[in-house]
Amino acid sequence: MSQTTFVVGIDGSKSGEKALEFAKSRAKLITDSKILIFYVIDWSPLSFQTAEENDTRHKRRAKEITLAKERILDPALAHET
């Protein structure tokens, strides 16, 4: 039998926390399961930019990823039920 994967999007809200708790409760009932959590970083549409703008955009994206990991993903992973 294949492994069951629960996919849960979180955003730091109470609704996201509830979704994760629900997935955890269901995963406990299934022997071979895992939970995949994700957070979507809002990203601007593609457009033509200068090299300087691309460099700034890359740095801004890296900062957003770090903040999302620290503020949203790490706390969700640390919280066990």
N, C-alpha and C. Protein backbone atom coordinates (compact mmCIF):
# COMPACT_ATOMS: atom_id res chain seq x y z
N MET A 1 0.84 -1.17 0.00
CA MET A 1 0.00 0.00 0.00
C MET A 1 0.89 1.24 0.00
N SER A 2 0.47 2.30 -0.68
CA SER A 2 1.28 3.51 -0.76
C SER A 2 1.06 4.41 0.46
N GLN A 3 2.02 5.26 0.69
CA GLN A 3 1.95 6.17 1.83
C GLN A 3 0.91 7.26 1.56
N THR A 4 0.16 7.63 2.59
CA THR A 4 -0.82 8.71 2.49
C THR A 4 -0.14 10.01 2.87
N THR A 5 -0.32 11.04 2.05
CA THR A 5 0.25 12.35 2.32
C THR A 5 -0.86 13.37 2.50
N PHE A 6 -0.82 14.08 3.60
CA PHE A 6 -1.74 15.18 3.85
C PHE A 6 -1.01 16.47 3.50
N VAL A 7 -1.59 17.25 2.61
CA VAL A 7 -0.99 18.51 2.18
C VAL A 7 -1.76 19.64 2.86
N VAL A 8 -1.02 20.48 3.62
CA VAL A 8 -1.66 21.53 4.40
C VAL A 8 -0.97 22.86 4.13
N GLY A 9 -1.73 23.83 3.68
CA GLY A 9 -1.22 25.18 3.51
C GLY A 9 -1.44 25.96 4.80
N ILE A 10 -0.39 26.62 5.27
CA ILE A 10 -0.51 27.41 6.49
C ILE A 10 -0.08 28.85 6.19
N ASP A 11 -0.62 29.77 6.99
CA ASP A 11 -0.29 31.18 6.79
C ASP A 11 -0.13 31.94 8.10
N GLY A 12 -0.08 31.21 9.20
CA GLY A 12 0.05 31.86 10.50
C GLY A 12 -1.29 32.22 11.14
N SER A 13 -2.38 31.94 10.45
CA SER A 13 -3.71 32.26 10.98
C SER A 13 -4.25 31.09 11.81
N LYS A 14 -5.33 31.36 12.53
CA LYS A 14 -6.00 30.30 13.30
C LYS A 14 -6.55 29.22 12.38
N SER A 15 -7.03 29.63 11.21
CA SER A 15 -7.56 28.64 10.25
C SER A 15 -6.46 27.69 9.80
N GLY A 16 -5.28 28.21 9.55
CA GLY A 16 -4.15 27.37 9.17
C GLY A 16 -3.77 26.41 10.28
N GLU A 17 -3.79 26.91 11.52
CA GLU A 17 -3.49 26.06 12.67
C GLU A 17 -4.51 24.93 12.79
N LYS A 18 -5.78 25.26 12.58
CA LYS A 18 -6.83 24.25 12.65
C LYS A 18 -6.66 23.20 11.55
N ALA A 19 -6.30 23.65 10.35
CA ALA A 19 -6.09 22.72 9.25
C ALA A 19 -4.94 21.76 9.57
N LEU A 20 -3.88 22.29 10.16
CA LEU A 20 -2.74 21.44 10.52
C LEU A 20 -3.12 20.46 11.63
N GLU A 21 -3.86 20.92 12.62
CA GLU A 21 -4.31 20.03 13.69
C GLU A 21 -5.21 18.93 13.15
N PHE A 22 -6.08 19.28 12.21
CA PHE A 22 -6.95 18.28 11.60
C PHE A 22 -6.12 17.22 10.87
N ALA A 23 -5.15 17.68 10.09
CA ALA A 23 -4.28 16.74 9.36
C ALA A 23 -3.52 15.85 10.32
N LYS A 24 -3.04 16.41 11.42
CA LYS A 24 -2.32 15.60 12.42
C LYS A 24 -3.22 14.54 13.02
N SER A 25 -4.46 14.92 13.32
CA SER A 25 -5.37 13.95 13.93
C SER A 25 -5.68 12.81 12.96
N ARG A 26 -5.81 13.12 11.68
CA ARG A 26 -6.08 12.07 10.69
C ARG A 26 -4.84 11.22 10.44
N ALA A 27 -3.68 11.86 10.42
CA ALA A 27 -2.44 11.13 10.16
C ALA A 27 -2.16 10.11 11.26
N LYS A 28 -2.58 10.41 12.48
CA LYS A 28 -2.40 9.46 13.58
C LYS A 28 -3.21 8.19 13.38
N LEU A 29 -4.28 8.29 12.62
CA LEU A 29 -5.15 7.14 12.37
C LEU A 29 -4.64 6.24 11.25
N ILE A 30 -3.69 6.75 10.47
CA ILE A 30 -3.17 6.01 9.33
C ILE A 30 -1.71 5.66 9.60
N THR A 31 -1.39 4.39 9.59
CA THR A 31 -0.05 3.94 9.94
C THR A 31 1.03 4.54 9.06
N ASP A 32 0.87 4.45 7.77
CA ASP A 32 1.90 4.93 6.84
C ASP A 32 1.46 6.27 6.24
N SER A 33 1.72 7.36 6.97
CA SER A 33 1.29 8.67 6.48
C SER A 33 2.33 9.73 6.83
N LYS A 34 2.21 10.85 6.13
CA LYS A 34 3.06 12.00 6.43
C LYS A 34 2.25 13.26 6.16
N ILE A 35 2.74 14.37 6.71
CA ILE A 35 2.11 15.67 6.50
C ILE A 35 3.10 16.57 5.79
N LEU A 36 2.68 17.16 4.71
CA LEU A 36 3.48 18.11 3.97
C LEU A 36 2.87 19.49 4.18
N ILE A 37 3.61 20.38 4.87
CA ILE A 37 3.08 21.72 5.09
C ILE A 37 3.78 22.68 4.16
N PHE A 38 3.05 23.71 3.75
CA PHE A 38 3.65 24.70 2.88
C PHE A 38 3.08 26.08 3.16
N TYR A 39 3.84 27.06 2.78
CA TYR A 39 3.47 28.47 2.90
C TYR A 39 3.81 29.12 1.56
N VAL A 40 2.88 29.85 0.99
CA VAL A 40 3.10 30.48 -0.30
C VAL A 40 3.53 31.93 -0.09
N ILE A 41 4.66 32.25 -0.69
CA ILE A 41 5.16 33.63 -0.64
C ILE A 41 4.62 34.35 -1.86
N ASP A 42 3.94 35.46 -1.64
CA ASP A 42 3.41 36.26 -2.72
C ASP A 42 4.57 36.78 -3.57
N TRP A 43 4.49 36.56 -4.85
CA TRP A 43 5.60 36.93 -5.73
C TRP A 43 5.04 37.70 -6.91
N SER A 44 5.75 38.73 -7.31
CA SER A 44 5.28 39.58 -8.40
C SER A 44 5.30 38.82 -9.72
N PRO A 45 4.44 39.22 -10.65
CA PRO A 45 4.44 38.56 -11.96
C PRO A 45 5.73 38.86 -12.72
N LEU A 46 6.01 38.03 -13.70
CA LEU A 46 7.22 38.23 -14.49
C LEU A 46 7.13 39.53 -15.27
N SER A 47 8.21 40.25 -15.29
CA SER A 47 8.31 41.47 -16.09
C SER A 47 9.78 41.72 -16.38
N PHE A 48 10.03 42.56 -17.33
CA PHE A 48 11.41 42.89 -17.66
C PHE A 48 11.97 43.82 -16.60
N GLN A 49 13.16 43.50 -16.12
CA GLN A 49 13.78 44.29 -15.07
C GLN A 49 15.26 44.47 -15.37
N THR A 50 15.81 45.48 -14.75
CA THR A 50 17.25 45.71 -14.88
C THR A 50 17.99 44.71 -14.00
N ALA A 51 19.29 44.61 -14.20
CA ALA A 51 20.11 43.72 -13.38
C ALA A 51 20.04 44.12 -11.91
N GLU A 52 20.02 45.41 -11.64
CA GLU A 52 19.94 45.90 -10.27
C GLU A 52 18.60 45.51 -9.63
N GLU A 53 17.53 45.61 -10.39
CA GLU A 53 16.22 45.22 -9.87
C GLU A 53 16.17 43.72 -9.60
N ASN A 54 16.75 42.94 -10.49
CA ASN A 54 16.79 41.49 -10.27
C ASN A 54 17.57 41.13 -9.02
N ASP A 55 18.69 41.82 -8.78
CA ASP A 55 19.49 41.57 -7.59
C ASP A 55 18.69 41.90 -6.33
N THR A 56 18.00 43.03 -6.35
CA THR A 56 17.17 43.43 -5.21
C THR A 56 16.03 42.44 -5.01
N ARG A 57 15.43 42.03 -6.10
CA ARG A 57 14.31 41.09 -6.03
C ARG A 57 14.76 39.76 -5.42
N HIS A 58 15.92 39.29 -5.84
CA HIS A 58 16.45 38.04 -5.31
C HIS A 58 16.69 38.16 -3.80
N LYS A 59 17.29 39.25 -3.38
CA LYS A 59 17.55 39.45 -1.94
C LYS A 59 16.25 39.55 -1.16
N ARG A 60 15.26 40.24 -1.72
CA ARG A 60 13.97 40.38 -1.05
C ARG A 60 13.29 39.02 -0.92
N ARG A 61 13.38 38.21 -1.97
CA ARG A 61 12.78 36.87 -1.94
C ARG A 61 13.46 36.01 -0.89
N ALA A 62 14.78 36.06 -0.83
CA ALA A 62 15.52 35.28 0.17
C ALA A 62 15.11 35.70 1.58
N LYS A 63 14.92 36.99 1.79
CA LYS A 63 14.49 37.48 3.11
C LYS A 63 13.08 36.99 3.43
N GLU A 64 12.18 37.02 2.44
CA GLU A 64 10.81 36.56 2.65
C GLU A 64 10.78 35.07 3.00
N ILE A 65 11.62 34.29 2.35
CA ILE A 65 11.68 32.85 2.65
C ILE A 65 12.16 32.64 4.08
N THR A 66 13.19 33.37 4.49
CA THR A 66 13.72 33.25 5.85
C THR A 66 12.66 33.63 6.87
N LEU A 67 11.96 34.75 6.63
CA LEU A 67 10.92 35.18 7.56
C LEU A 67 9.77 34.17 7.64
N ALA A 68 9.36 33.64 6.50
CA ALA A 68 8.28 32.64 6.50
C ALA A 68 8.70 31.40 7.28
N LYS A 69 9.94 30.98 7.10
CA LYS A 69 10.43 29.81 7.83
C LYS A 69 10.44 30.08 9.33
N GLU A 70 10.95 31.24 9.74
CA GLU A 70 11.06 31.57 11.17
C GLU A 70 9.70 31.82 11.82
N ARG A 71 8.81 32.51 11.12
CA ARG A 71 7.53 32.94 11.72
C ARG A 71 6.39 31.95 11.54
N ILE A 72 6.42 31.16 10.47
CA ILE A 72 5.28 30.30 10.16
C ILE A 72 5.65 28.82 10.23
N LEU A 73 6.63 28.41 9.44
CA LEU A 73 6.92 26.97 9.33
C LEU A 73 7.57 26.38 10.57
N ASP A 74 8.61 27.03 11.08
CA ASP A 74 9.27 26.48 12.28
C ASP A 74 8.33 26.34 13.47
N PRO A 75 7.51 27.37 13.79
CA PRO A 75 6.56 27.19 14.89
C PRO A 75 5.55 26.07 14.64
N ALA A 76 5.12 25.91 13.41
CA ALA A 76 4.17 24.84 13.10
C ALA A 76 4.82 23.48 13.29
N LEU A 77 6.08 23.35 12.90
CA LEU A 77 6.78 22.08 13.07
C LEU A 77 7.08 21.79 14.53
N ALA A 78 7.30 22.83 15.32
CA ALA A 78 7.64 22.64 16.72
C ALA A 78 6.42 22.29 17.58
N HIS A 79 5.23 22.67 17.11
CA HIS A 79 4.00 22.44 17.87
C HIS A 79 3.51 21.03 17.65
N GLU A 80 3.63 20.20 18.66
CA GLU A 80 3.15 18.81 18.58
C GLU A 80 1.88 18.66 19.37
N THR A 81 0.99 17.82 18.87
CA THR A 81 -0.25 17.56 19.61
C THR A 81 -0.24 16.16 20.16
